[in-house]
């Protein structure tokens, strides 16, 4: 896949999937703007640090990326958080964080990016949803709800903006071996290496996903190879159902 001359904005660029995707996009010739709370040490053409919970920051990201890069062909809303527990164990802060990062920020970024892309004749947007947003899972009520929301929003936007040459799709992973997953195990008192290995036994392919497994699918979705995909929810789960 060739991205020479293409420009991209990637949120959550400091995380496992985001970092892998940025590396792949740049290796394929794209110029990339990266967004995260901290973007120190990330090799990219443009660095746009900030807090996605700040509406002003999220609203302005596409325009800032387009101005700095000269155009905006690709947007990947990759940033996300995981809130665990039943509704009765969910605090107001959990609710606000999950809705803000997983739903409101991608909504704001898409809303701002679509007119920029439409004026240029088109583009590609990928949102990171989850298998857990397509079917219910235990003890992740708010997480499942937010990922269901972004999956539905993706399908609706895919229909509404296809006529403008903008392809909007979502990738839906199951568990991925990222720093976020591993820190979650550590916070609950588990050894991350042992926990990841045990979790891999529940996957038909024999392991949970690595960040590159998901980044490669996103790369495909924003490439011309996926030129007829629009409003799709692409599961990348190693054959494992939500359980």
Protein backbone atom coordinates (compact mmCIF):
# COMPACT_ATOMS: atom_id res chain seq x y z
CA UNK A 1 0.00 0.00 0.00
CA UNK A 2 1.38 3.32 -1.14
CA UNK A 3 0.67 6.59 0.68
CA UNK A 4 3.16 8.95 -0.93
CA UNK A 5 1.62 12.41 -1.05
CA UNK A 6 -1.09 11.53 1.48
CA UNK A 7 -1.59 13.27 4.82
CA UNK A 8 -3.04 11.79 7.99
CA UNK A 9 -4.17 12.70 11.50
CA UNK A 10 -3.92 9.94 14.13
CA UNK A 11 -5.26 10.32 17.67
CA UNK A 12 -4.07 8.11 20.48
CA UNK A 13 -0.74 8.14 18.67
CA UNK A 14 1.30 7.35 21.78
CA UNK A 15 -0.55 4.09 22.47
CA UNK A 16 0.24 0.66 21.10
CA UNK A 17 -2.03 0.64 18.04
CA UNK A 18 -1.52 4.33 17.33
CA UNK A 19 2.27 4.16 17.47
CA UNK A 20 2.31 1.14 15.17
CA UNK A 21 -0.04 2.83 12.71
CA UNK A 22 1.99 6.04 12.61
CA UNK A 23 5.15 4.07 11.84
CA UNK A 24 3.42 2.19 9.04
CA UNK A 25 1.84 5.25 7.47
CA UNK A 26 5.13 7.14 7.42
CA UNK A 27 7.04 4.12 6.10
CA UNK A 28 4.53 3.99 3.23
CA UNK A 29 5.12 7.65 2.38
CA UNK A 30 2.42 9.53 4.28
CA UNK A 31 3.03 12.69 6.26
CA UNK A 32 1.40 12.37 9.67
CA UNK A 33 0.06 14.66 12.41
CA UNK A 34 -0.06 12.94 15.79
CA UNK A 35 -2.38 13.77 18.68
CA UNK A 36 -2.27 12.52 22.26
CA UNK A 37 -1.89 13.93 25.75
CA UNK A 38 1.86 13.68 25.22
CA UNK A 39 3.49 13.19 21.83
CA UNK A 40 7.08 13.44 23.06
CA UNK A 41 9.37 11.03 21.28
CA UNK A 42 6.95 10.20 18.46
CA UNK A 43 8.48 10.51 15.00
CA UNK A 44 5.97 12.49 12.93
CA UNK A 45 5.76 15.59 10.78
CA UNK A 46 3.34 17.44 13.07
CA UNK A 47 2.80 17.16 16.84
CA UNK A 48 -0.53 18.28 18.28
CA UNK A 49 -0.59 17.43 22.00
CA UNK A 50 -3.73 18.04 24.04
CA UNK A 51 -6.65 16.63 25.99
CA UNK A 52 -9.47 15.12 23.95
CA UNK A 53 -11.85 15.92 26.80
CA UNK A 54 -11.40 19.59 25.87
CA UNK A 55 -14.02 20.31 23.19
CA UNK A 56 -12.04 23.24 21.81
CA UNK A 57 -9.00 21.03 21.27
CA UNK A 58 -10.98 18.23 19.60
CA UNK A 59 -12.91 20.64 17.37
CA UNK A 60 -9.72 22.27 16.14
CA UNK A 61 -7.59 19.17 15.50
CA UNK A 62 -8.52 18.52 11.83
CA UNK A 63 -8.03 22.15 10.80
CA UNK A 64 -4.71 22.37 12.62
CA UNK A 65 -3.53 19.13 11.00
CA UNK A 66 -4.67 20.27 7.55
CA UNK A 67 -2.98 23.64 7.95
CA UNK A 68 0.30 22.14 9.13
CA UNK A 69 0.35 19.33 6.56
CA UNK A 70 -1.15 21.26 3.66
CA UNK A 71 -4.11 18.88 3.33
CA UNK A 72 -5.99 16.16 5.22
CA UNK A 73 -6.64 12.88 3.43
CA UNK A 74 -6.90 10.45 6.35
CA UNK A 75 -8.21 10.64 9.91
CA UNK A 76 -7.92 7.79 12.39
CA UNK A 77 -9.80 8.24 15.66
CA UNK A 78 -7.78 5.70 17.59
CA UNK A 79 -7.75 7.13 21.13
CA UNK A 80 -9.82 5.23 23.66
CA UNK A 81 -10.24 4.30 27.30
CA UNK A 82 -11.61 1.19 29.02
CA UNK A 83 -13.93 1.47 32.00
CA UNK A 84 -14.57 -1.87 33.68
CA UNK A 85 -17.47 -2.90 35.86
CA UNK A 86 -21.24 -2.98 35.96
CA UNK A 87 -23.32 0.22 35.80
CA UNK A 88 -23.68 0.16 39.58
CA UNK A 89 -19.88 0.29 39.90
CA UNK A 90 -19.51 3.18 37.46
CA UNK A 91 -18.77 6.64 38.84
CA UNK A 92 -19.71 9.95 37.25
CA UNK A 93 -16.02 10.46 36.46
CA UNK A 94 -15.89 7.05 34.71
CA UNK A 95 -18.95 8.00 32.69
CA UNK A 96 -17.60 11.39 31.67
CA UNK A 97 -14.18 10.02 30.70
CA UNK A 98 -15.57 7.13 28.65
CA UNK A 99 -18.17 9.21 26.82
CA UNK A 100 -15.73 12.05 26.28
CA UNK A 101 -12.84 10.07 24.82
CA UNK A 102 -14.66 7.17 23.13
CA UNK A 103 -17.65 9.00 21.66
CA UNK A 104 -17.64 12.80 21.90
CA UNK A 105 -14.06 13.36 20.72
CA UNK A 106 -14.42 11.18 17.58
CA UNK A 107 -17.76 12.87 16.87
CA UNK A 108 -16.20 16.32 17.10
CA UNK A 109 -13.17 15.35 15.03
CA UNK A 110 -15.29 13.75 12.31
CA UNK A 111 -17.64 16.74 12.27
CA UNK A 112 -14.69 19.07 11.74
CA UNK A 113 -12.80 16.83 9.29
CA UNK A 114 -15.65 16.00 6.91
CA UNK A 115 -16.04 19.53 5.45
CA UNK A 116 -12.26 19.76 4.94
CA UNK A 117 -12.23 16.43 3.10
CA UNK A 118 -15.37 17.22 1.12
CA UNK A 119 -13.86 20.48 -0.13
CA UNK A 120 -10.81 18.53 -1.32
CA UNK A 121 -12.83 15.86 -3.10
CA UNK A 122 -12.82 13.10 -0.50
CA UNK A 123 -10.87 11.22 2.12
CA UNK A 124 -10.91 8.27 4.49
CA UNK A 125 -11.81 8.09 8.17
CA UNK A 126 -11.40 5.08 10.46
CA UNK A 127 -12.80 4.95 13.97
CA UNK A 128 -11.64 2.38 16.51
CA UNK A 129 -14.71 0.59 17.84
CA UNK A 130 -14.61 -2.90 19.38
CA UNK A 131 -16.13 -6.36 19.17
CA UNK A 132 -17.46 -5.42 22.60
CA UNK A 133 -19.51 -2.69 20.96
CA UNK A 134 -21.18 -5.12 18.58
CA UNK A 135 -22.27 -7.59 21.27
CA UNK A 136 -22.66 -7.30 25.05
CA UNK A 137 -19.83 -8.40 27.32
CA UNK A 138 -19.68 -8.97 31.07
CA UNK A 139 -18.54 -6.26 33.51
CA UNK A 140 -17.83 -3.65 30.83
CA UNK A 141 -21.21 -1.94 30.54
CA UNK A 142 -20.02 1.61 29.83
CA UNK A 143 -17.19 0.49 27.57
CA UNK A 144 -19.55 -1.65 25.49
CA UNK A 145 -22.06 1.19 25.28
CA UNK A 146 -19.51 3.73 24.06
CA UNK A 147 -18.09 1.36 21.47
CA UNK A 148 -21.61 0.55 20.28
CA UNK A 149 -22.21 4.27 19.91
CA UNK A 150 -19.10 4.87 17.80
CA UNK A 151 -19.89 1.80 15.68
CA UNK A 152 -23.39 3.10 14.95
CA UNK A 153 -22.12 6.62 14.31
CA UNK A 154 -19.60 5.20 11.84
CA UNK A 155 -22.31 3.36 9.90
CA UNK A 156 -24.51 6.46 9.78
CA UNK A 157 -21.69 8.76 8.68
CA UNK A 158 -20.58 6.20 6.13
CA UNK A 159 -23.97 6.46 4.45
CA UNK A 160 -24.36 10.21 4.83
CA UNK A 161 -20.99 11.22 3.40
CA UNK A 162 -20.21 8.58 0.79
CA UNK A 163 -21.55 10.87 -1.93
CA UNK A 164 -18.79 13.34 -1.00
CA UNK A 165 -16.09 10.77 -1.67
CA UNK A 166 -15.46 10.23 2.03
CA UNK A 167 -15.18 6.63 3.18
CA UNK A 168 -15.88 6.16 6.89
CA UNK A 169 -15.30 2.73 8.45
CA UNK A 170 -14.50 1.24 11.85
CA UNK A 171 -12.11 -1.43 13.03
CA UNK A 172 -13.45 -3.62 15.84
CA UNK A 173 -10.70 -5.44 17.75
CA UNK A 174 -11.00 -7.85 20.63
CA UNK A 175 -8.19 -7.87 23.23
CA UNK A 176 -4.92 -6.29 22.06
CA UNK A 177 -1.54 -6.48 23.79
CA UNK A 178 -1.21 -2.75 24.42
CA UNK A 179 0.16 -0.74 27.35
CA UNK A 180 -3.46 0.07 28.29
CA UNK A 181 -4.39 -3.61 28.55
CA UNK A 182 -1.25 -4.49 30.46
CA UNK A 183 -1.61 -1.61 32.92
CA UNK A 184 -5.17 -2.74 33.54
CA UNK A 185 -3.91 -6.18 34.53
CA UNK A 186 -1.27 -4.65 36.79
CA UNK A 187 -3.82 -2.42 38.53
CA UNK A 188 -5.89 -5.51 39.34
CA UNK A 189 -2.87 -7.31 40.80
CA UNK A 190 -2.06 -9.62 37.89
CA UNK A 191 1.33 -10.12 36.27
CA UNK A 192 0.79 -8.66 32.77
CA UNK A 193 2.94 -11.25 30.95
CA UNK A 194 1.16 -14.16 32.62
CA UNK A 195 -2.26 -12.60 32.13
CA UNK A 196 -1.65 -11.92 28.43
CA UNK A 197 -0.44 -15.49 27.91
CA UNK A 198 -3.47 -16.93 29.71
CA UNK A 199 -5.83 -14.71 27.75
CA UNK A 200 -4.23 -15.92 24.53
CA UNK A 201 -5.37 -19.47 25.33
CA UNK A 202 -8.97 -18.33 24.85
CA UNK A 203 -8.32 -17.21 21.28
CA UNK A 204 -8.72 -19.74 18.45
CA UNK A 205 -5.60 -18.36 16.73
CA UNK A 206 -3.68 -19.00 19.96
CA UNK A 207 -2.79 -15.45 21.04
CA UNK A 208 -4.35 -12.06 21.55
CA UNK A 209 -3.69 -9.41 18.93
CA UNK A 210 -0.52 -7.37 18.79
CA UNK A 211 -0.86 -3.66 17.93
CA UNK A 212 0.52 -4.30 14.44
CA UNK A 213 -2.31 -6.77 13.73
CA UNK A 214 -4.84 -3.97 14.16
CA UNK A 215 -2.71 -1.24 12.60
CA UNK A 216 -2.37 -3.26 9.40
CA UNK A 217 -6.16 -3.52 9.06
CA UNK A 218 -6.54 0.23 9.62
CA UNK A 219 -3.86 0.82 7.00
CA UNK A 220 -5.87 -1.29 4.57
CA UNK A 221 -9.10 0.57 5.35
CA UNK A 222 -7.58 3.99 4.63
CA UNK A 223 -5.87 2.76 1.47
CA UNK A 224 -7.17 2.64 -2.08
CA UNK A 225 -7.33 -1.15 -1.72
CA UNK A 226 -10.48 -0.57 0.40
CA UNK A 227 -11.94 1.91 -2.09
CA UNK A 228 -15.40 0.24 -2.07
CA UNK A 229 -15.67 -0.12 1.71
CA UNK A 230 -17.85 2.46 3.41
CA UNK A 231 -19.77 2.25 6.69
CA UNK A 232 -18.21 -1.14 7.45
CA UNK A 233 -17.48 -2.54 10.91
CA UNK A 234 -14.46 -4.81 10.50
CA UNK A 235 -13.92 -7.32 13.31
CA UNK A 236 -10.31 -8.29 14.01
CA UNK A 237 -10.58 -10.86 16.79
CA UNK A 238 -8.55 -13.96 16.03
CA UNK A 239 -11.80 -15.91 15.91
CA UNK A 240 -12.64 -15.19 19.56
CA UNK A 241 -16.19 -14.17 20.47
CA UNK A 242 -16.96 -11.66 23.19
CA UNK A 243 -17.12 -13.61 26.45
